[in-house]
């Protein structure tokens, strides 16, 4: 699956106003919808987005979503008695000329976090392993560069802390678009920075995660959460101003789930907890407005696990061999001596 370069227009991707924030329509193209096709109908499960990572100067794109989205789809297909060999994850992607296309993969082709001792809600699929249903189809999707991820350096540079504004782009299951994908945008703010020393309790165990003030819904599972860069800010006691070299946003992470008020202990629900939803009709009305967001660092750890790094290195080496470019060099010493000897012999004759 070929992915276009992310647009970087002259204006702000995100602009802060008195209360709301704005995001350009073009930037919503980094989002695709994940689900499955049953009886020729697309059944949405959550959101995925595309990021790029670089290895030895080569760019590699990856589709990222929440791990529980993949597991929920696999479980539902099993309940529908779809044979395991026919069970497929469907990515619903907009086409350049209009309409949508579906990019399919098997559940076991997705990559999870290498640490099996805890549940990390991240699933990754390299785009070189994906192909649109129509070969050569131009897909209208962009990617978020790894230079725009909220790592420790970016968090310090932009002074990201509690209260920083956030933007989340993703699937609204009640209206996701008939002819093409229509992702929605939800605004919020960081309620708590992630801290490995203070893990968040969820139904899947303790997680290292941010808390973001936002009314998350089931379809937003796997959605990217962004922190827009303000034109000016204060960091280290100094006034900072954004420059053309700075990214207009930082990718904070992806949505895992949300708190709700049914449980007195505020245990976190994700979009796959269908039993609790059916047992309580006012499920979404009890949304506490606090979402759990997996740090982008966890996505990087999945992408940079050994087996994926080796695969990228192999692709890089093969690409270099096919380049057809050879370095210019002077003749070797051995060949130089041979030519000189032949020249002397001819002169004697």
Protein backbone atom coordinates (compact mmCIF):
# COMPACT_ATOMS: atom_id res chain seq x y z
CA UNK A 1 0.00 0.00 0.00
CA UNK A 2 1.52 3.29 -1.06
CA UNK A 3 1.04 6.25 1.24
CA UNK A 4 1.51 9.89 0.26
CA UNK A 5 3.67 12.41 2.07
CA UNK A 6 1.88 14.39 4.73
CA UNK A 7 0.91 17.87 3.64
CA UNK A 8 2.66 20.77 5.36
CA UNK A 9 0.77 23.91 4.26
CA UNK A 10 1.89 27.41 5.14
CA UNK A 11 -0.83 27.93 7.74
CA UNK A 12 -1.24 26.17 11.04
CA UNK A 13 -2.52 22.61 11.03
CA UNK A 14 -4.14 23.54 14.34
CA UNK A 15 -4.94 26.99 15.66
CA UNK A 16 -5.85 27.77 19.22
CA UNK A 17 -8.81 30.09 19.79
CA UNK A 18 -10.65 31.22 22.89
CA UNK A 19 -12.07 27.73 23.51
CA UNK A 20 -12.20 25.56 20.36
CA UNK A 21 -9.35 24.66 18.02
CA UNK A 22 -9.29 24.19 14.27
CA UNK A 23 -7.67 21.52 12.14
CA UNK A 24 -7.41 21.53 8.37
CA UNK A 25 -9.49 18.96 6.51
CA UNK A 26 -6.40 17.68 4.71
CA UNK A 27 -4.81 16.56 7.93
CA UNK A 28 -7.70 14.19 8.65
CA UNK A 29 -6.36 12.05 5.80
CA UNK A 30 -3.90 10.30 8.12
CA UNK A 31 -6.88 8.40 9.57
CA UNK A 32 -8.48 5.22 8.18
CA UNK A 33 -11.26 3.05 9.60
CA UNK A 34 -10.65 -0.51 10.78
CA UNK A 35 -13.29 -3.25 10.87
CA UNK A 36 -14.41 -6.19 8.76
CA UNK A 37 -16.70 -6.92 5.83
CA UNK A 38 -19.64 -9.25 6.41
CA UNK A 39 -22.32 -9.98 3.80
CA UNK A 40 -20.90 -7.16 1.66
CA UNK A 41 -21.31 -4.60 4.45
CA UNK A 42 -18.48 -2.88 6.30
CA UNK A 43 -18.73 -3.28 10.07
CA UNK A 44 -16.61 -0.58 11.77
CA UNK A 45 -14.66 -1.40 14.92
CA UNK A 46 -12.32 1.53 15.46
CA UNK A 47 -9.77 3.89 14.01
CA UNK A 48 -6.27 3.44 12.61
CA UNK A 49 -3.72 5.96 11.37
CA UNK A 50 -0.50 5.95 9.36
CA UNK A 51 2.93 6.89 10.69
CA UNK A 52 6.36 6.85 9.09
CA UNK A 53 9.65 5.73 10.59
CA UNK A 54 13.09 5.94 9.01
CA UNK A 55 15.77 3.26 8.77
CA UNK A 56 19.17 4.09 7.22
CA UNK A 57 17.66 7.03 5.35
CA UNK A 58 14.71 5.05 3.95
CA UNK A 59 11.14 5.87 4.92
CA UNK A 60 8.83 3.07 6.04
CA UNK A 61 5.12 3.61 6.66
CA UNK A 62 3.05 1.69 9.21
CA UNK A 63 -0.65 1.46 10.00
CA UNK A 64 -1.26 1.80 13.74
CA UNK A 65 -4.36 0.99 15.78
CA UNK A 66 -5.34 -0.31 19.20
CA UNK A 67 -4.54 -3.96 19.77
CA UNK A 68 -7.99 -4.58 21.24
CA UNK A 69 -9.54 -3.51 17.91
CA UNK A 70 -7.77 -6.37 16.12
CA UNK A 71 -8.65 -8.84 18.85
CA UNK A 72 -12.31 -7.74 18.92
CA UNK A 73 -12.64 -8.15 15.14
CA UNK A 74 -11.06 -11.61 15.29
CA UNK A 75 -13.45 -12.60 18.07
CA UNK A 76 -16.53 -11.30 16.25
CA UNK A 77 -15.57 -13.09 13.03
CA UNK A 78 -15.21 -16.29 15.03
CA UNK A 79 -18.67 -15.79 16.57
CA UNK A 80 -20.04 -15.30 13.05
CA UNK A 81 -18.47 -18.67 12.21
CA UNK A 82 -16.23 -17.24 9.54
CA UNK A 83 -13.49 -19.83 8.82
CA UNK A 84 -10.13 -18.81 10.26
CA UNK A 85 -8.51 -18.86 6.81
CA UNK A 86 -11.15 -16.39 5.54
CA UNK A 87 -11.12 -14.07 8.58
CA UNK A 88 -9.72 -10.72 7.49
CA UNK A 89 -9.18 -7.29 8.99
CA UNK A 90 -10.48 -4.60 6.62
CA UNK A 91 -9.01 -1.12 6.45
CA UNK A 92 -11.51 1.26 4.84
CA UNK A 93 -9.51 3.93 2.99
CA UNK A 94 -10.60 6.86 0.86
CA UNK A 95 -9.54 6.86 -2.81
CA UNK A 96 -8.07 9.88 -4.57
CA UNK A 97 -10.82 9.90 -7.21
CA UNK A 98 -13.60 9.49 -4.64
CA UNK A 99 -15.18 6.51 -2.96
CA UNK A 100 -13.45 3.97 -0.73
CA UNK A 101 -11.31 0.89 -1.11
CA UNK A 102 -10.61 -1.93 1.32
CA UNK A 103 -7.16 -3.15 2.24
CA UNK A 104 -7.24 -6.61 3.81
CA UNK A 105 -4.95 -8.47 6.20
CA UNK A 106 -5.14 -11.46 8.51
CA UNK A 107 -5.29 -10.88 12.27
CA UNK A 108 -2.07 -12.85 12.79
CA UNK A 109 -0.19 -10.51 10.42
CA UNK A 110 -0.42 -7.59 12.86
CA UNK A 111 2.49 -6.97 15.22
CA UNK A 112 2.10 -6.37 18.96
CA UNK A 113 4.48 -5.20 21.67
CA UNK A 114 7.36 -7.65 22.29
CA UNK A 115 6.89 -7.46 26.08
CA UNK A 116 4.36 -10.18 26.85
CA UNK A 117 4.38 -9.52 30.60
CA UNK A 118 1.90 -6.63 30.29
CA UNK A 119 -0.86 -5.59 27.89
CA UNK A 120 0.28 -2.79 25.57
CA UNK A 121 -2.69 -1.66 23.48
CA UNK A 122 -0.82 -1.15 20.19
CA UNK A 123 -1.02 -3.05 16.90
CA UNK A 124 1.16 -2.24 13.90
CA UNK A 125 1.12 -3.34 10.25
CA UNK A 126 3.90 -2.29 7.82
CA UNK A 127 2.28 -0.88 4.68
CA UNK A 128 4.63 -2.82 2.39
CA UNK A 129 2.69 -5.91 3.51
CA UNK A 130 -0.63 -4.38 2.40
CA UNK A 131 -2.14 -3.97 -1.05
CA UNK A 132 -5.42 -2.34 -2.11
CA UNK A 133 -8.09 -4.63 -3.54
CA UNK A 134 -7.50 -3.00 -6.93
CA UNK A 135 -3.77 -3.13 -7.85
CA UNK A 136 -2.34 0.34 -8.42
CA UNK A 137 -5.30 2.07 -6.78
CA UNK A 138 -4.41 5.58 -5.58
CA UNK A 139 -5.38 5.88 -1.93
CA UNK A 140 -6.04 9.30 -0.39
CA UNK A 141 -4.11 8.91 2.85
CA UNK A 142 -1.17 10.76 4.39
CA UNK A 143 1.33 9.88 7.09
CA UNK A 144 2.59 11.40 10.33
CA UNK A 145 6.39 11.61 10.35
CA UNK A 146 8.34 10.25 13.31
CA UNK A 147 9.86 13.73 13.67
CA UNK A 148 6.42 14.87 14.83
CA UNK A 149 6.10 12.35 17.67
CA UNK A 150 5.91 13.56 21.27
CA UNK A 151 9.15 12.06 22.54
CA UNK A 152 11.02 13.41 25.56
CA UNK A 153 12.79 16.04 23.46
CA UNK A 154 9.56 17.38 21.93
CA UNK A 155 7.75 17.35 25.29
CA UNK A 156 10.55 19.48 26.76
CA UNK A 157 10.82 21.75 23.71
CA UNK A 158 7.11 22.57 23.55
CA UNK A 159 6.65 22.42 27.33
CA UNK A 160 3.84 19.89 27.05
CA UNK A 161 2.18 19.41 30.43
CA UNK A 162 -1.19 19.05 32.12
CA UNK A 163 -3.69 21.46 30.57
CA UNK A 164 -2.13 21.36 27.09
CA UNK A 165 -4.82 21.25 24.36
CA UNK A 166 -5.37 18.04 22.39
CA UNK A 167 -7.08 17.08 19.15
CA UNK A 168 -8.31 13.56 18.39
CA UNK A 169 -9.33 12.39 14.90
CA UNK A 170 -11.34 9.24 14.40
CA UNK A 171 -14.43 7.16 13.72
CA UNK A 172 -17.92 8.12 14.88
CA UNK A 173 -19.81 4.86 14.42
CA UNK A 174 -23.20 6.59 14.09
CA UNK A 175 -21.98 8.53 11.06
CA UNK A 176 -18.82 7.27 9.35
CA UNK A 177 -19.81 8.01 5.74
CA UNK A 178 -21.50 6.03 3.00
CA UNK A 179 -19.52 7.05 -0.08
CA UNK A 180 -16.27 7.84 1.75
CA UNK A 181 -14.77 7.98 5.23
CA UNK A 182 -15.82 10.95 7.34
CA UNK A 183 -13.63 11.15 10.46
CA UNK A 184 -14.66 13.50 13.24
CA UNK A 185 -12.47 15.78 15.37
CA UNK A 186 -12.75 15.99 19.16
CA UNK A 187 -10.96 18.59 21.26
CA UNK A 188 -9.73 18.20 24.81
CA UNK A 189 -6.76 18.73 27.11
CA UNK A 190 -4.19 16.66 28.97
CA UNK A 191 -5.50 15.83 32.43
CA UNK A 192 -2.47 13.79 33.57
CA UNK A 193 0.93 13.13 32.03
CA UNK A 194 1.98 9.53 31.71
CA UNK A 195 4.33 8.24 34.40
CA UNK A 196 5.62 4.62 34.54
CA UNK A 197 5.74 4.96 38.33
CA UNK A 198 1.97 5.60 38.46
CA UNK A 199 0.28 3.15 36.11
CA UNK A 200 -3.38 3.45 35.08
CA UNK A 201 -5.69 0.63 36.19
CA UNK A 202 -7.71 -0.84 33.30
CA UNK A 203 -9.68 -4.03 32.70
CA UNK A 204 -6.62 -5.36 30.85
CA UNK A 205 -4.23 -4.63 33.71
CA UNK A 206 -2.10 -1.65 34.59
CA UNK A 207 -0.97 0.60 31.73
CA UNK A 208 1.53 3.39 31.31
CA UNK A 209 -0.77 6.04 29.80
CA UNK A 210 -1.88 9.65 29.64
CA UNK A 211 -5.28 10.78 30.87
CA UNK A 212 -6.96 13.21 28.50
CA UNK A 213 -10.12 15.18 29.20
CA UNK A 214 -12.27 14.17 26.25
CA UNK A 215 -15.55 12.34 25.66
CA UNK A 216 -14.13 9.27 23.94
CA UNK A 217 -16.42 6.77 22.21
CA UNK A 218 -15.94 3.17 21.12
CA UNK A 219 -15.15 4.11 17.52
CA UNK A 220 -12.30 6.35 18.64
CA UNK A 221 -10.28 3.38 19.91
CA UNK A 222 -6.96 3.57 18.10
CA UNK A 223 -7.38 7.23 17.11
CA UNK A 224 -4.34 9.53 17.05
CA UNK A 225 -4.21 12.19 19.78
CA UNK A 226 -2.32 15.34 18.81
CA UNK A 227 -1.02 18.32 20.76
CA UNK A 228 -0.99 21.47 18.61
CA UNK A 229 2.04 23.72 18.96
CA UNK A 230 1.10 27.21 20.09
CA UNK A 231 2.71 30.15 18.19
CA UNK A 232 4.41 31.25 21.45
CA UNK A 233 4.91 29.49 24.76
CA UNK A 234 7.07 29.64 27.86
CA UNK A 235 9.64 26.91 28.56
CA UNK A 236 12.42 27.07 31.12
CA UNK A 237 11.48 30.63 32.02
CA UNK A 238 11.96 31.82 28.42
CA UNK A 239 9.44 32.86 25.77
CA UNK A 240 9.65 30.48 22.80
CA UNK A 241 8.31 31.08 19.31
CA UNK A 242 7.56 28.48 16.69
CA UNK A 243 9.81 28.55 13.60
CA UNK A 244 9.49 26.95 10.14
CA UNK A 245 11.77 24.16 11.42
CA UNK A 246 9.26 23.16 14.10
CA UNK A 247 6.39 20.79 13.58
CA UNK A 248 2.95 22.34 13.97
CA UNK A 249 1.85 19.47 16.23
CA UNK A 250 3.09 16.56 18.31
CA UNK A 251 1.61 13.07 18.11
CA UNK A 252 0.93 12.26 21.77
CA UNK A 253 -0.35 8.71 21.32
CA UNK A 254 -3.48 6.70 20.55
CA UNK A 255 -6.81 6.24 22.33
CA UNK A 256 -7.22 3.07 24.40
CA UNK A 257 -10.54 3.67 26.15
CA UNK A 258 -12.37 5.88 28.62
CA UNK A 259 -13.53 6.02 32.21
CA UNK A 260 -17.19 5.71 33.02
CA UNK A 261 -19.11 6.28 36.24
CA UNK A 262 -20.84 2.92 36.61
CA UNK A 263 -17.95 1.37 38.52
CA UNK A 264 -17.15 3.07 41.85
CA UNK A 265 -13.49 2.34 41.23
CA UNK A 266 -13.59 4.05 37.80
CA UNK A 267 -12.18 1.04 35.97
CA UNK A 268 -11.39 1.86 32.35
CA UNK A 269 -13.52 0.45 29.52
CA UNK A 270 -12.36 0.07 25.94
CA UNK A 271 -14.58 -0.26 22.89
CA UNK A 272 -14.61 -4.05 23.00
CA UNK A 273 -16.44 -4.39 26.34
CA UNK A 274 -19.77 -5.19 24.70
CA UNK A 275 -21.16 -7.13 27.68
CA UNK A 276 -21.08 -4.09 29.94
CA UNK A 277 -22.58 -1.93 27.21
CA UNK A 278 -25.54 -4.25 26.71
CA UNK A 279 -26.12 -4.54 30.47
CA UNK A 280 -26.41 -0.80 30.88
CA UNK A 281 -28.50 1.22 28.43
CA UNK A 282 -27.12 4.51 29.75
CA UNK A 283 -23.54 3.34 29.15
CA UNK A 284 -22.33 6.32 27.11
CA UNK A 285 -24.39 8.75 29.20
CA UNK A 286 -22.14 7.78 32.13
CA UNK A 287 -18.96 8.64 30.23
CA UNK A 288 -16.73 10.43 32.73
CA UNK A 289 -15.08 12.49 29.99
CA UNK A 290 -11.60 11.09 30.71
CA UNK A 291 -9.85 9.06 28.00
CA UNK A 292 -6.84 6.80 28.41
CA UNK A 293 -4.15 7.45 25.79
CA UNK A 294 -1.25 5.07 25.09
CA UNK A 295 2.02 7.07 24.66
CA UNK A 296 3.55 7.21 21.20
CA UNK A 297 6.71 5.74 22.78
CA UNK A 298 4.89 2.40 22.95
CA UNK A 299 4.17 2.58 19.21
CA UNK A 300 7.87 3.25 18.57
CA UNK A 301 8.79 0.19 20.66
CA UNK A 302 6.54 -2.01 18.53
CA UNK A 303 7.88 -0.59 15.26
CA UNK A 304 11.49 -0.91 16.44
CA UNK A 305 11.29 -4.47 17.73
CA UNK A 306 14.04 -6.71 16.36
CA UNK A 307 12.06 -8.66 13.75
CA UNK A 308 10.65 -5.52 12.14
CA UNK A 309 14.00 -3.72 12.18
CA UNK A 310 15.65 -6.70 10.45
CA UNK A 311 12.91 -6.73 7.84
CA UNK A 312 13.40 -3.03 7.11
CA UNK A 313 17.16 -3.50 6.88
CA UNK A 314 16.66 -6.33 4.39
CA UNK A 315 14.34 -4.18 2.26
CA UNK A 316 16.85 -1.31 2.45
CA UNK A 317 19.72 -3.51 1.29
CA UNK A 318 17.69 -4.95 -1.58
CA UNK A 319 16.61 -1.47 -2.65
CA UNK A 320 20.21 -0.27 -2.74
CA UNK A 321 21.26 -3.23 -4.86
CA UNK A 322 18.50 -2.42 -7.38
CA UNK A 323 19.45 1.24 -7.60
CA UNK A 324 21.74 0.71 -10.62
CA UNK A 325 24.17 3.33 -9.29
CA UNK A 326 27.85 2.42 -9.06
CA UNK A 327 30.52 4.50 -7.40
CA UNK A 328 33.24 6.01 -9.59
CA UNK A 329 36.71 4.81 -8.53
CA UNK A 330 40.24 4.79 -9.84
CA UNK A 331 41.68 1.51 -11.14
CA UNK A 332 42.95 -0.93 -8.53
CA UNK A 333 46.69 -1.14 -7.84
CA UNK A 334 46.81 -4.66 -9.25
CA UNK A 335 45.27 -3.56 -12.54
CA UNK A 336 47.48 -0.50 -12.67
CA UNK A 337 50.65 -2.64 -12.43
CA UNK A 338 49.45 -5.00 -15.15
CA UNK A 339 48.82 -2.13 -17.56
CA UNK A 340 52.23 -0.63 -16.86
CA UNK A 341 53.99 -3.94 -17.55
CA UNK A 342 52.15 -4.40 -20.84
CA UNK A 343 53.11 -0.90 -21.87
CA UNK A 344 56.81 -1.54 -21.17
CA UNK A 345 56.80 -4.77 -23.15
CA UNK A 346 55.24 -3.08 -26.17
CA UNK A 347 57.82 -0.33 -26.07
CA UNK A 348 60.68 -2.89 -26.09
CA UNK A 349 59.26 -4.66 -29.12
